[in-house]
Amino acid sequence: MIELSFSKLLLLAVIALVVLGPEKLPKAARMAGAMLRRLRLGWDSVRSEVERELELEEIRRSAKEAADRADALRKTVDGELHAAHASVNDTLAQVADVASATDTPTQPSEPRDGQA
């Protein structure tokens, strides 16, 4: 970057006064100030646009990471749910087997006619 010290600025002012003269110097200074102001506003606009794009990219990256984590969690929950469903089905099958084994009719011994 250009280093402008007070002595260099003073030298530039003296040269501008000699070259432009006292009549044109204020108008040239205003024009130079306006040009610098427009340049600064343009630079600030570009810088803020780049910062917005970077923030937007960061938000997109965070959203993608969150979606990936949610997908992994969903897969894990689906696996656990499938395992629990299989376990419940196995238990129901065992209960049905035990119930069918105990449902076989056993006849109570009733006294027959003439026997008491």
PDB file of N, CA and C in Angstrom:
ATOM      1  N   MET A   1       0.831  -1.175   0.000  1.00  0.00           N
ATOM      2  CA  MET A   1       0.000   0.000   0.000  1.00  0.00           C
ATOM      3  C   MET A   1       0.879   1.243   0.000  1.00  0.00           C
ATOM      4  N   ILE A   2       0.349   2.333  -0.482  1.00  0.00           N
ATOM      5  CA  ILE A   2       1.108   3.585  -0.545  1.00  0.00           C
ATOM      6  C   ILE A   2       1.119   4.222   0.841  1.00  0.00           C
ATOM      7  N   GLU A   3       2.296   4.579   1.284  1.00  0.00           N
ATOM      8  CA  GLU A   3       2.426   5.249   2.575  1.00  0.00           C
ATOM      9  C   GLU A   3       2.410   6.753   2.350  1.00  0.00           C
ATOM     10  N   LEU A   4       1.418   7.419   2.943  1.00  0.00           N
ATOM     11  CA  LEU A   4       1.327   8.873   2.813  1.00  0.00           C
ATOM     12  C   LEU A   4       1.514   9.494   4.188  1.00  0.00           C
ATOM     13  N   SER A   5       2.633  10.129   4.358  1.00  0.00           N
ATOM     14  CA  SER A   5       2.873  10.828   5.612  1.00  0.00           C
ATOM     15  C   SER A   5       2.424  12.281   5.445  1.00  0.00           C
ATOM     16  N   PHE A   6       2.453  13.022   6.527  1.00  0.00           N
ATOM     17  CA  PHE A   6       2.019  14.415   6.484  1.00  0.00           C
ATOM     18  C   PHE A   6       2.887  15.226   5.533  1.00  0.00           C
ATOM     19  N   SER A   7       4.181  14.975   5.542  1.00  0.00           N
ATOM     20  CA  SER A   7       5.081  15.737   4.668  1.00  0.00           C
ATOM     21  C   SER A   7       4.786  15.440   3.193  1.00  0.00           C
ATOM     22  N   LYS A   8       4.473  14.184   2.867  1.00  0.00           N
ATOM     23  CA  LYS A   8       4.150  13.843   1.479  1.00  0.00           C
ATOM     24  C   LYS A   8       2.833  14.489   1.051  1.00  0.00           C
ATOM     25  N   LEU A   9       1.845  14.486   1.959  1.00  0.00           N
ATOM     26  CA  LEU A   9       0.584  15.141   1.636  1.00  0.00           C
ATOM     27  C   LEU A   9       0.762  16.640   1.426  1.00  0.00           C
ATOM     28  N   LEU A  10       1.585  17.263   2.240  1.00  0.00           N
ATOM     29  CA  LEU A  10       1.870  18.692   2.099  1.00  0.00           C
ATOM     30  C   LEU A  10       2.553  18.979   0.769  1.00  0.00           C
ATOM     31  N   LEU A  11       3.494  18.139   0.371  1.00  0.00           N
ATOM     32  CA  LEU A  11       4.176  18.298  -0.902  1.00  0.00           C
ATOM     33  C   LEU A  11       3.191  18.147  -2.060  1.00  0.00           C
ATOM     34  N   LEU A  12       2.284  17.168  -1.990  1.00  0.00           N
ATOM     35  CA  LEU A  12       1.261  16.997  -3.027  1.00  0.00           C
ATOM     36  C   LEU A  12       0.340  18.214  -3.113  1.00  0.00           C
ATOM     37  N   ALA A  13      -0.024  18.797  -1.970  1.00  0.00           N
ATOM     38  CA  ALA A  13      -0.879  19.976  -1.959  1.00  0.00           C
ATOM     39  C   ALA A  13      -0.186  21.163  -2.613  1.00  0.00           C
ATOM     40  N   VAL A  14       1.096  21.341  -2.338  1.00  0.00           N
ATOM     41  CA  VAL A  14       1.853  22.446  -2.939  1.00  0.00           C
ATOM     42  C   VAL A  14       1.958  22.249  -4.444  1.00  0.00           C
ATOM     43  N   ILE A  15       2.238  21.027  -4.895  1.00  0.00           N
ATOM     44  CA  ILE A  15       2.341  20.748  -6.334  1.00  0.00           C
ATOM     45  C   ILE A  15       0.987  20.996  -7.006  1.00  0.00           C
ATOM     46  N   ALA A  16      -0.128  20.545  -6.373  1.00  0.00           N
ATOM     47  CA  ALA A  16      -1.455  20.760  -6.937  1.00  0.00           C
ATOM     48  C   ALA A  16      -1.779  22.244  -7.003  1.00  0.00           C
ATOM     49  N   LEU A  17      -1.386  23.015  -6.005  1.00  0.00           N
ATOM     50  CA  LEU A  17      -1.617  24.453  -6.011  1.00  0.00           C
ATOM     51  C   LEU A  17      -0.866  25.126  -7.146  1.00  0.00           C
ATOM     52  N   VAL A  18       0.369  24.706  -7.374  1.00  0.00           N
ATOM     53  CA  VAL A  18       1.181  25.293  -8.441  1.00  0.00           C
ATOM     54  C   VAL A  18       0.629  24.894  -9.809  1.00  0.00           C
ATOM     55  N   VAL A  19       0.273  23.621  -9.983  1.00  0.00           N
ATOM     56  CA  VAL A  19      -0.182  23.139 -11.288  1.00  0.00           C
ATOM     57  C   VAL A  19      -1.581  23.671 -11.609  1.00  0.00           C
ATOM     58  N   LEU A  20      -2.526  23.579 -10.683  1.00  0.00           N
ATOM     59  CA  LEU A  20      -3.909  23.964 -10.952  1.00  0.00           C
ATOM     60  C   LEU A  20      -4.184  25.443 -10.713  1.00  0.00           C
ATOM     61  N   GLY A  21      -3.506  26.024  -9.817  1.00  0.00           N
ATOM     62  CA  GLY A  21      -3.756  27.420  -9.483  1.00  0.00           C
ATOM     63  C   GLY A  21      -4.809  27.517  -8.395  1.00  0.00           C
ATOM     64  N   PRO A  22      -4.889  28.672  -7.753  1.00  0.00           N
ATOM     65  CA  PRO A  22      -5.811  28.844  -6.634  1.00  0.00           C
ATOM     66  C   PRO A  22      -7.287  28.834  -7.052  1.00  0.00           C
ATOM     67  N   GLU A  23      -7.605  29.116  -8.319  1.00  0.00           N
ATOM     68  CA  GLU A  23      -8.997  29.156  -8.758  1.00  0.00           C
ATOM     69  C   GLU A  23      -9.562  27.739  -8.949  1.00  0.00           C
ATOM     70  N   LYS A  24      -8.773  26.833  -9.518  1.00  0.00           N
ATOM     71  CA  LYS A  24      -9.256  25.488  -9.857  1.00  0.00           C
ATOM     72  C   LYS A  24      -9.032  24.457  -8.745  1.00  0.00           C
ATOM     73  N   LEU A  25      -8.195  24.766  -7.787  1.00  0.00           N
ATOM     74  CA  LEU A  25      -7.850  23.803  -6.744  1.00  0.00           C
ATOM     75  C   LEU A  25      -9.054  23.367  -5.892  1.00  0.00           C
ATOM     76  N   PRO A  26      -9.916  24.264  -5.423  1.00  0.00           N
ATOM     77  CA  PRO A  26     -11.064  23.802  -4.613  1.00  0.00           C
ATOM     78  C   PRO A  26     -12.009  22.886  -5.399  1.00  0.00           C
ATOM     79  N   LYS A  27     -12.258  23.225  -6.668  1.00  0.00           N
ATOM     80  CA  LYS A  27     -13.126  22.387  -7.488  1.00  0.00           C
ATOM     81  C   LYS A  27     -12.493  21.011  -7.705  1.00  0.00           C
ATOM     82  N   ALA A  28     -11.192  20.961  -7.955  1.00  0.00           N
ATOM     83  CA  ALA A  28     -10.486  19.686  -8.150  1.00  0.00           C
ATOM     84  C   ALA A  28     -10.494  18.864  -6.862  1.00  0.00           C
ATOM     85  N   ALA A  29     -10.353  19.517  -5.718  1.00  0.00           N
ATOM     86  CA  ALA A  29     -10.366  18.815  -4.433  1.00  0.00           C
ATOM     87  C   ALA A  29     -11.746  18.208  -4.175  1.00  0.00           C
ATOM     88  N   ARG A  30     -12.819  18.981  -4.484  1.00  0.00           N
ATOM     89  CA  ARG A  30     -14.167  18.434  -4.326  1.00  0.00           C
ATOM     90  C   ARG A  30     -14.394  17.241  -5.249  1.00  0.00           C
ATOM     91  N   MET A  31     -13.927  17.355  -6.487  1.00  0.00           N
ATOM     92  CA  MET A  31     -14.086  16.265  -7.442  1.00  0.00           C
ATOM     93  C   MET A  31     -13.310  15.025  -6.991  1.00  0.00           C
ATOM     94  N   ALA A  32     -12.093  15.237  -6.502  1.00  0.00           N
ATOM     95  CA  ALA A  32     -11.291  14.109  -6.012  1.00  0.00           C
ATOM     96  C   ALA A  32     -11.960  13.464  -4.798  1.00  0.00           C
ATOM     97  N   GLY A  33     -12.527  14.277  -3.917  1.00  0.00           N
ATOM     98  CA  GLY A  33     -13.233  13.751  -2.745  1.00  0.00           C
ATOM     99  C   GLY A  33     -14.456  12.939  -3.153  1.00  0.00           C
ATOM    100  N   ALA A  34     -15.210  13.441  -4.140  1.00  0.00           N
ATOM    101  CA  ALA A  34     -16.392  12.723  -4.614  1.00  0.00           C
ATOM    102  C   ALA A  34     -15.997  11.398  -5.257  1.00  0.00           C
ATOM    103  N   MET A  35     -14.926  11.401  -6.020  1.00  0.00           N
ATOM    104  CA  MET A  35     -14.462  10.160  -6.660  1.00  0.00           C
ATOM    105  C   MET A  35     -14.009   9.146  -5.614  1.00  0.00           C
ATOM    106  N   LEU A  36     -13.293   9.590  -4.601  1.00  0.00           N
ATOM    107  CA  LEU A  36     -12.870   8.691  -3.530  1.00  0.00           C
ATOM    108  C   LEU A  36     -14.059   8.136  -2.766  1.00  0.00           C
ATOM    109  N   ARG A  37     -15.069   8.984  -2.543  1.00  0.00           N
ATOM    110  CA  ARG A  37     -16.269   8.543  -1.848  1.00  0.00           C
ATOM    111  C   ARG A  37     -16.987   7.448  -2.651  1.00  0.00           C
ATOM    112  N   ARG A  38     -17.129   7.656  -3.977  1.00  0.00           N
ATOM    113  CA  ARG A  38     -17.757   6.636  -4.825  1.00  0.00           C
ATOM    114  C   ARG A  38     -16.944   5.350  -4.849  1.00  0.00           C
ATOM    115  N   LEU A  39     -15.629   5.497  -4.900  1.00  0.00           N
ATOM    116  CA  LEU A  39     -14.747   4.326  -4.894  1.00  0.00           C
ATOM    117  C   LEU A  39     -14.900   3.557  -3.578  1.00  0.00           C
ATOM    118  N   ARG A  40     -14.942   4.274  -2.467  1.00  0.00           N
ATOM    119  CA  ARG A  40     -15.088   3.633  -1.167  1.00  0.00           C
ATOM    120  C   ARG A  40     -16.448   2.941  -1.037  1.00  0.00           C
ATOM    121  N   LEU A  41     -17.511   3.609  -1.504  1.00  0.00           N
ATOM    122  CA  LEU A  41     -18.846   2.996  -1.450  1.00  0.00           C
ATOM    123  C   LEU A  41     -18.898   1.734  -2.314  1.00  0.00           C
ATOM    124  N   GLY A  42     -18.296   1.792  -3.488  1.00  0.00           N
ATOM    125  CA  GLY A  42     -18.249   0.611  -4.356  1.00  0.00           C
ATOM    126  C   GLY A  42     -17.483  -0.528  -3.700  1.00  0.00           C
ATOM    127  N   TRP A  43     -16.365  -0.210  -3.088  1.00  0.00           N
ATOM    128  CA  TRP A  43     -15.565  -1.233  -2.417  1.00  0.00           C
ATOM    129  C   TRP A  43     -16.326  -1.830  -1.240  1.00  0.00           C
ATOM    130  N   ASP A  44     -17.012  -0.983  -0.471  1.00  0.00           N
ATOM    131  CA  ASP A  44     -17.809  -1.485   0.649  1.00  0.00           C
ATOM    132  C   ASP A  44     -18.937  -2.386   0.165  1.00  0.00           C
ATOM    133  N   SER A  45     -19.542  -2.036  -0.960  1.00  0.00           N
ATOM    134  CA  SER A  45     -20.609  -2.849  -1.526  1.00  0.00           C
ATOM    135  C   SER A  45     -20.083  -4.223  -1.932  1.00  0.00           C
ATOM    136  N   VAL A  46     -18.938  -4.241  -2.599  1.00  0.00           N
ATOM    137  CA  VAL A  46     -18.345  -5.519  -3.017  1.00  0.00           C
ATOM    138  C   VAL A  46     -17.984  -6.352  -1.795  1.00  0.00           C
ATOM    139  N   ARG A  47     -17.393  -5.723  -0.795  1.00  0.00           N
ATOM    140  CA  ARG A  47     -16.991  -6.441   0.410  1.00  0.00           C
ATOM    141  C   ARG A  47     -18.207  -7.023   1.137  1.00  0.00           C
ATOM    142  N   SER A  48     -19.290  -6.247   1.259  1.00  0.00           N
ATOM    143  CA  SER A  48     -20.472  -6.757   1.937  1.00  0.00           C
ATOM    144  C   SER A  48     -21.121  -7.891   1.140  1.00  0.00           C
ATOM    145  N   GLU A  49     -21.081  -7.810  -0.188  1.00  0.00           N
ATOM    146  CA  GLU A  49     -21.631  -8.890  -1.017  1.00  0.00           C
ATOM    147  C   GLU A  49     -20.823 -10.176  -0.829  1.00  0.00           C
ATOM    148  N   VAL A  50     -19.519 -10.062  -0.796  1.00  0.00           N
ATOM    149  CA  VAL A  50     -18.667 -11.238  -0.580  1.00  0.00           C
ATOM    150  C   VAL A  50     -18.926 -11.826   0.805  1.00  0.00           C
ATOM    151  N   GLU A  51     -19.073 -10.984   1.817  1.00  0.00           N
ATOM    152  CA  GLU A  51     -19.359 -11.475   3.170  1.00  0.00           C
ATOM    153  C   GLU A  51     -20.708 -12.196   3.212  1.00  0.00           C
ATOM    154  N   ARG A  52     -21.725 -11.654   2.517  1.00  0.00           N
ATOM    155  CA  ARG A  52     -23.030 -12.318   2.474  1.00  0.00           C
ATOM    156  C   ARG A  52     -22.924 -13.682   1.796  1.00  0.00           C
ATOM    157  N   GLU A  53     -22.165 -13.750   0.705  1.00  0.00           N
ATOM    158  CA  GLU A  53     -21.989 -15.025   0.011  1.00  0.00           C
ATOM    159  C   GLU A  53     -21.287 -16.049   0.907  1.00  0.00           C
ATOM    160  N   LEU A  54     -20.285 -15.594   1.657  1.00  0.00           N
ATOM    161  CA  LEU A  54     -19.583 -16.500   2.565  1.00  0.00           C
ATOM    162  C   LEU A  54     -20.511 -16.983   3.675  1.00  0.00           C
ATOM    163  N   GLU A  55     -21.331 -16.086   4.216  1.00  0.00           N
ATOM    164  CA  GLU A  55     -22.281 -16.484   5.253  1.00  0.00           C
ATOM    165  C   GLU A  55     -23.309 -17.459   4.692  1.00  0.00           C
ATOM    166  N   LEU A  56     -23.765 -17.200   3.466  1.00  0.00           N
ATOM    167  CA  LEU A  56     -24.732 -18.088   2.830  1.00  0.00           C
ATOM    168  C   LEU A  56     -24.126 -19.471   2.612  1.00  0.00           C
ATOM    169  N   GLU A  57     -22.876 -19.516   2.188  1.00  0.00           N
ATOM    170  CA  GLU A  57     -22.195 -20.799   1.986  1.00  0.00           C
ATOM    171  C   GLU A  57     -22.046 -21.544   3.313  1.00  0.00           C
ATOM    172  N   GLU A  58     -21.751 -20.815   4.391  1.00  0.00           N
ATOM    173  CA  GLU A  58     -21.636 -21.428   5.716  1.00  0.00           C
ATOM    174  C   GLU A  58     -22.987 -21.997   6.162  1.00  0.00           C
ATOM    175  N   ILE A  59     -24.060 -21.254   5.892  1.00  0.00           N
ATOM    176  CA  ILE A  59     -25.403 -21.730   6.248  1.00  0.00           C
ATOM    177  C   ILE A  59     -25.738 -22.986   5.455  1.00  0.00           C
ATOM    178  N   ARG A  60     -25.402 -22.994   4.166  1.00  0.00           N
ATOM    179  CA  ARG A  60     -25.658 -24.180   3.343  1.00  0.00           C
ATOM    180  C   ARG A  60     -24.882 -25.379   3.872  1.00  0.00           C
ATOM    181  N   ARG A  61     -23.633 -25.158   4.240  1.00  0.00           N
ATOM    182  CA  ARG A  61     -22.808 -26.250   4.751  1.00  0.00           C
ATOM    183  C   ARG A  61     -23.390 -26.784   6.058  1.00  0.00           C
ATOM    184  N   SER A  62     -23.828 -25.888   6.936  1.00  0.00           N
ATOM    185  CA  SER A  62     -24.423 -26.304   8.209  1.00  0.00           C
ATOM    186  C   SER A  62     -25.720 -27.069   7.974  1.00  0.00           C
ATOM    187  N   ALA A  63     -26.532 -26.602   7.022  1.00  0.00           N
ATOM    188  CA  ALA A  63     -27.791 -27.288   6.729  1.00  0.00           C
ATOM    189  C   ALA A  63     -27.531 -28.683   6.175  1.00  0.00           C
ATOM    190  N   LYS A  64     -26.517 -28.821   5.319  1.00  0.00           N
ATOM    191  CA  LYS A  64     -26.191 -30.141   4.762  1.00  0.00           C
ATOM    192  C   LYS A  64     -25.703 -31.078   5.857  1.00  0.00           C
ATOM    193  N   GLU A  65     -24.867 -30.574   6.761  1.00  0.00           N
ATOM    194  CA  GLU A  65     -24.390 -31.402   7.868  1.00  0.00           C
ATOM    195  C   GLU A  65     -25.554 -31.828   8.766  1.00  0.00           C
ATOM    196  N   ALA A  66     -26.480 -30.906   9.034  1.00  0.00           N
ATOM    197  CA  ALA A  66     -27.638 -31.245   9.868  1.00  0.00           C
ATOM    198  C   ALA A  66     -28.511 -32.288   9.178  1.00  0.00           C
ATOM    199  N   ALA A  67     -28.688 -32.153   7.861  1.00  0.00           N
ATOM    200  CA  ALA A  67     -29.487 -33.132   7.115  1.00  0.00           C
ATOM    201  C   ALA A  67     -28.802 -34.501   7.128  1.00  0.00           C
ATOM    202  N   ASP A  68     -27.484 -34.518   7.001  1.00  0.00           N
ATOM    203  CA  ASP A  68     -26.752 -35.791   7.046  1.00  0.00           C
ATOM    204  C   ASP A  68     -26.886 -36.448   8.416  1.00  0.00           C
ATOM    205  N   ARG A  69     -26.780 -35.635   9.479  1.00  0.00           N
ATOM    206  CA  ARG A  69     -26.925 -36.196  10.829  1.00  0.00           C
ATOM    207  C   ARG A  69     -28.343 -36.718  11.044  1.00  0.00           C
ATOM    208  N   ALA A  70     -29.332 -35.980  10.553  1.00  0.00           N
ATOM    209  CA  ALA A  70     -30.719 -36.416  10.703  1.00  0.00           C
ATOM    210  C   ALA A  70     -30.966 -37.718   9.937  1.00  0.00           C
ATOM    211  N   ASP A  71     -30.372 -37.835   8.751  1.00  0.00           N
ATOM    212  CA  ASP A  71     -30.533 -39.059   7.960  1.00  0.00           C
ATOM    213  C   ASP A  71     -29.885 -40.253   8.668  1.00  0.00           C
ATOM    214  N   ALA A  72     -28.696 -40.040   9.227  1.00  0.00           N
ATOM    215  CA  ALA A  72     -28.026 -41.116   9.959  1.00  0.00           C
ATOM    216  C   ALA A  72     -28.844 -41.518  11.185  1.00  0.00           C
ATOM    217  N   LEU A  73     -29.390 -40.537  11.882  1.00  0.00           N
ATOM    218  CA  LEU A  73     -30.223 -40.826  13.054  1.00  0.00           C
ATOM    219  C   LEU A  73     -31.488 -41.578  12.643  1.00  0.00           C
ATOM    220  N   ARG A  74     -32.089 -41.177  11.531  1.00  0.00           N
ATOM    221  CA  ARG A  74     -33.292 -41.863  11.052  1.00  0.00           C
ATOM    222  C   ARG A  74     -32.979 -43.317  10.721  1.00  0.00           C
ATOM    223  N   LYS A  75     -31.835 -43.566  10.078  1.00  0.00           N
ATOM    224  CA  LYS A  75     -31.447 -44.942   9.754  1.00  0.00           C
ATOM    225  C   LYS A  75     -31.233 -45.757  11.020  1.00  0.00           C
ATOM    226  N   THR A  76     -30.615 -45.161  12.022  1.00  0.00           N
ATOM    227  CA  THR A  76     -30.399 -45.857  13.287  1.00  0.00           C
ATOM    228  C   THR A  76     -31.727 -46.185  13.957  1.00  0.00           C
ATOM    229  N   VAL A  77     -32.634 -45.230  13.989  1.00  0.00           N
ATOM    230  CA  VAL A  77     -33.946 -45.457  14.605  1.00  0.00           C
ATOM    231  C   VAL A  77     -34.715 -46.522  13.828  1.00  0.00           C
ATOM    232  N   ASP A  78     -34.632 -46.475  12.496  1.00  0.00           N
ATOM    233  CA  ASP A  78     -35.309 -47.502  11.699  1.00  0.00           C
ATOM    234  C   ASP A  78     -34.766 -48.895  12.018  1.00  0.00           C
ATOM    235  N   GLY A  79     -33.465 -49.010  12.156  1.00  0.00           N
ATOM    236  CA  GLY A  79     -32.856 -50.298  12.498  1.00  0.00           C
ATOM    237  C   GLY A  79     -33.300 -50.787  13.861  1.00  0.00           C
ATOM    238  N   GLU A  80     -33.297 -49.886  14.839  1.00  0.00           N
ATOM    239  CA  GLU A  80     -33.733 -50.255  16.191  1.00  0.00           C
ATOM    240  C   GLU A  80     -35.213 -50.624  16.199  1.00  0.00           C
ATOM    241  N   LEU A  81     -36.016 -49.890  15.444  1.00  0.00           N
ATOM    242  CA  LEU A  81     -37.445 -50.190  15.368  1.00  0.00           C
ATOM    243  C   LEU A  81     -37.682 -51.550  14.714  1.00  0.00           C
ATOM    244  N   HIS A  82     -36.925 -51.848  13.690  1.00  0.00           N
ATOM    245  CA  HIS A  82     -37.044 -53.145  13.031  1.00  0.00           C
ATOM    246  C   HIS A  82     -36.659 -54.273  14.001  1.00  0.00           C
ATOM    247  N   ALA A  83     -35.580 -54.072  14.753  1.00  0.00           N
ATOM    248  CA  ALA A  83     -35.145 -55.080  15.728  1.00  0.00           C
ATOM    249  C   ALA A  83     -36.205 -55.261  16.822  1.00  0.00           C
ATOM    250  N   ALA A  84     -36.791 -54.187  17.298  1.00  0.00           N
ATOM    251  CA  ALA A  84     -37.830 -54.281  18.327  1.00  0.00           C
ATOM    252  C   ALA A  84     -39.060 -54.989  17.776  1.00  0.00           C
ATOM    253  N   HIS A  85     -39.413 -54.689  16.534  1.00  0.00           N
ATOM    254  CA  HIS A  85     -40.564 -55.340  15.902  1.00  0.00           C
ATOM    255  C   HIS A  85     -40.320 -56.848  15.780  1.00  0.00           C
ATOM    256  N   ALA A  86     -39.124 -57.229  15.379  1.00  0.00           N
ATOM    257  CA  ALA A  86     -38.789 -58.645  15.267  1.00  0.00           C
ATOM    258  C   ALA A  86     -38.836 -59.315  16.642  1.00  0.00           C
ATOM    259  N   SER A  87     -38.354 -58.635  17.656  1.00  0.00           N
ATOM    260  CA  SER A  87     -38.373 -59.189  19.011  1.00  0.00           C
ATOM    261  C   SER A  87     -39.806 -59.387  19.502  1.00  0.00           C
ATOM    262  N   VAL A  88     -40.670 -58.411  19.228  1.00  0.00           N
ATOM    263  CA  VAL A  88     -42.072 -58.532  19.624  1.00  0.00           C
ATOM    264  C   VAL A  88     -42.722 -59.693  18.885  1.00  0.00           C
ATOM    265  N   ASN A  89     -42.445 -59.840  17.596  1.00  0.00           N
ATOM    266  CA  ASN A  89     -43.010 -60.950  16.824  1.00  0.00           C
ATOM    267  C   ASN A  89     -42.540 -62.302  17.369  1.00  0.00           C
ATOM    268  N   ASP A  90     -41.262 -62.402  17.736  1.00  0.00           N
ATOM    269  CA  ASP A  90     -40.738 -63.640  18.321  1.00  0.00           C
ATOM    270  C   ASP A  90     -41.444 -63.950  19.644  1.00  0.00           C
ATOM    271  N   THR A  91     -41.616 -62.947  20.455  1.00  0.00           N
ATOM    272  CA  THR A  91     -42.281 -63.143  21.741  1.00  0.00           C
ATOM    273  C   THR A  91     -43.729 -63.577  21.541  1.00  0.00           C
ATOM    274  N   LEU A  92     -44.419 -62.955  20.593  1.00  0.00           N
ATOM    275  CA  LEU A  92     -45.801 -63.341  20.309  1.00  0.00           C
ATOM    276  C   LEU A  92     -45.875 -64.779  19.808  1.00  0.00           C
ATOM    277  N   ALA A  93     -44.914 -65.201  18.992  1.00  0.00           N
ATOM    278  CA  ALA A  93     -44.895 -66.576  18.501  1.00  0.00           C
ATOM    279  C   ALA A  93     -44.678 -67.551  19.650  1.00  0.00           C
ATOM    280  N   GLN A  94     -43.787 -67.196  20.583  1.00  0.00           N
ATOM    281  CA  GLN A  94     -43.543 -68.055  21.740  1.00  0.00           C
ATOM    282  C   GLN A  94     -44.788 -68.149  22.608  1.00  0.00           C
ATOM    283  N   VAL A  95     -45.464 -67.028  22.811  1.00  0.00           N
ATOM    284  CA  VAL A  95     -46.690 -67.025  23.607  1.00  0.00           C
ATOM    285  C   VAL A  95     -47.748 -67.886  22.929  1.00  0.00           C
ATOM    286  N   ALA A  96     -47.860 -67.792  21.616  1.00  0.00           N
ATOM    287  CA  ALA A  96     -48.844 -68.583  20.880  1.00  0.00           C
ATOM    288  C   ALA A  96     -48.519 -70.075  20.991  1.00  0.00           C
ATOM    289  N   ASP A  97     -47.224 -70.410  20.934  1.00  0.00           N
ATOM    290  CA  ASP A  97     -46.830 -71.807  21.077  1.00  0.00           C
ATOM    291  C   ASP A  97     -47.186 -72.334  22.463  1.00  0.00           C
ATOM    292  N   VAL A  98     -46.901 -71.564  23.486  1.00  0.00           N
ATOM    293  CA  VAL A  98     -47.223 -71.983  24.856  1.00  0.00           C
ATOM    294  C   VAL A  98     -48.729 -72.090  25.016  1.00  0.00           C
ATOM    295  N   ALA A  99     -49.473 -71.182  24.467  1.00  0.00           N
ATOM    296  CA  ALA A  99     -50.929 -71.199  24.586  1.00  0.00           C
ATOM    297  C   ALA A  99     -51.517 -72.399  23.870  1.00  0.00           C
ATOM    298  N   SER A 100     -50.981 -72.736  22.714  1.00  0.00           N
ATOM    299  CA  SER A 100     -51.508 -73.888  21.979  1.00  0.00           C
ATOM    300  C   SER A 100     -51.155 -75.196  22.698  1.00  0.00           C
ATOM    301  N   ALA A 101     -50.019 -75.222  23.368  1.00  0.00           N
ATOM    302  CA  ALA A 101     -49.630 -76.424  24.107  1.00  0.00           C
ATOM    303  C   ALA A 101     -50.514 -76.613  25.345  1.00  0.00           C
ATOM    304  N   THR A 102     -50.942 -75.569  25.972  1.00  0.00           N
ATOM    305  CA  THR A 102     -51.769 -75.683  27.170  1.00  0.00           C
ATOM    306  C   THR A 102     -53.244 -75.774  26.843  1.00  0.00           C
ATOM    307  N   ASP A 103     -53.632 -75.539  25.609  1.00  0.00           N
ATOM    308  CA  ASP A 103     -55.038 -75.609  25.219  1.00  0.00           C
ATOM    309  C   ASP A 103     -55.484 -77.037  24.899  1.00  0.00           C
ATOM    310  N   THR A 104     -54.642 -78.002  24.904  1.00  0.00           N
ATOM    311  CA  THR A 104     -55.067 -79.373  24.629  1.00  0.00           C
ATOM    312  C   THR A 104     -55.983 -79.813  25.750  1.00  0.00           C
ATOM    313  N   PRO A 105     -57.142 -80.307  25.409  1.00  0.00           N
ATOM    314  CA  PRO A 105     -58.130 -80.611  26.450  1.00  0.00           C
ATOM    315  C   PRO A 105     -57.674 -81.772  27.319  1.00  0.00           C
ATOM    316  N   THR A 106     -57.703 -81.542  28.548  1.00  0.00           N
ATOM    317  CA  THR A 106     -57.480 -82.609  29.533  1.00  0.00           C
ATOM    318  C   THR A 106     -58.815 -82.858  30.194  1.00  0.00           C
ATOM    319  N   GLN A 107     -59.229 -84.077  30.179  1.00  0.00           N
ATOM    320  CA  GLN A 107     -60.546 -84.369  30.714  1.00  0.00           C
ATOM    321  C   GLN A 107     -60.439 -84.633  32.198  1.00  0.00           C
ATOM    322  N   PRO A 108     -61.223 -83.928  32.923  1.00  0.00           N
ATOM    323  CA  PRO A 108     -61.211 -84.166  34.365  1.00  0.00           C
ATOM    324  C   PRO A 108     -61.856 -85.514  34.647  1.00  0.00           C
ATOM    325  N   SER A 109     -61.380 -86.112  35.638  1.00  0.00           N
ATOM    326  CA  SER A 109     -61.934 -87.426  35.975  1.00  0.00           C
ATOM    327  C   SER A 109     -63.275 -87.229  36.653  1.00  0.00           C
ATOM    328  N   GLU A 110     -64.315 -87.635  35.943  1.00  0.00           N
ATOM    329  CA  GLU A 110     -65.668 -87.533  36.474  1.00  0.00           C
ATOM    330  C   GLU A 110     -66.094 -88.921  36.946  1.00  0.00           C
ATOM    331  N   PRO A 111     -66.838 -88.956  37.961  1.00  0.00           N
ATOM    332  CA  PRO A 111     -67.291 -90.281  38.414  1.00  0.00           C
ATOM    333  C   PRO A 111     -68.237 -90.879  37.373  1.00  0.00           C
ATOM    334  N   ARG A 112     -67.992 -92.098  37.083  1.00  0.00           N
ATOM    335  CA  ARG A 112     -68.846 -92.793  36.139  1.00  0.00           C
ATOM    336  C   ARG A 112     -70.078 -93.323  36.870  1.00  0.00           C
ATOM    337  N   ASP A 113     -71.011 -93.694  36.115  1.00  0.00           N
ATOM    338  CA  ASP A 113     -72.235 -94.198  36.728  1.00  0.00           C
ATOM    339  C   ASP A 113     -71.927 -95.457  37.533  1.00  0.00           C
ATOM    340  N   GLY A 114     -72.308 -95.438  38.681  1.00  0.00           N
ATOM    341  CA  GLY A 114     -72.125 -96.588  39.528  1.00  0.00           C
ATOM    342  C   GLY A 114     -70.819 -96.524  40.300  1.00  0.00           C
ATOM    343  N   GLN A 115     -69.972 -95.662  39.984  1.00  0.00           N
ATOM    344  CA  GLN A 115     -68.713 -95.538  40.714  1.00  0.00           C
ATOM    345  C   GLN A 115     -68.752 -94.213  41.460  1.00  0.00           C
ATOM    346  N   ALA A 116     -68.422 -94.266  42.631  1.00  0.00           N
ATOM    347  CA  ALA A 116     -68.411 -93.018  43.374  1.00  0.00           C
ATOM    348  C   ALA A 116     -67.195 -92.942  44.197  1.00  0.00           C
TER     349      ALA A 116
END
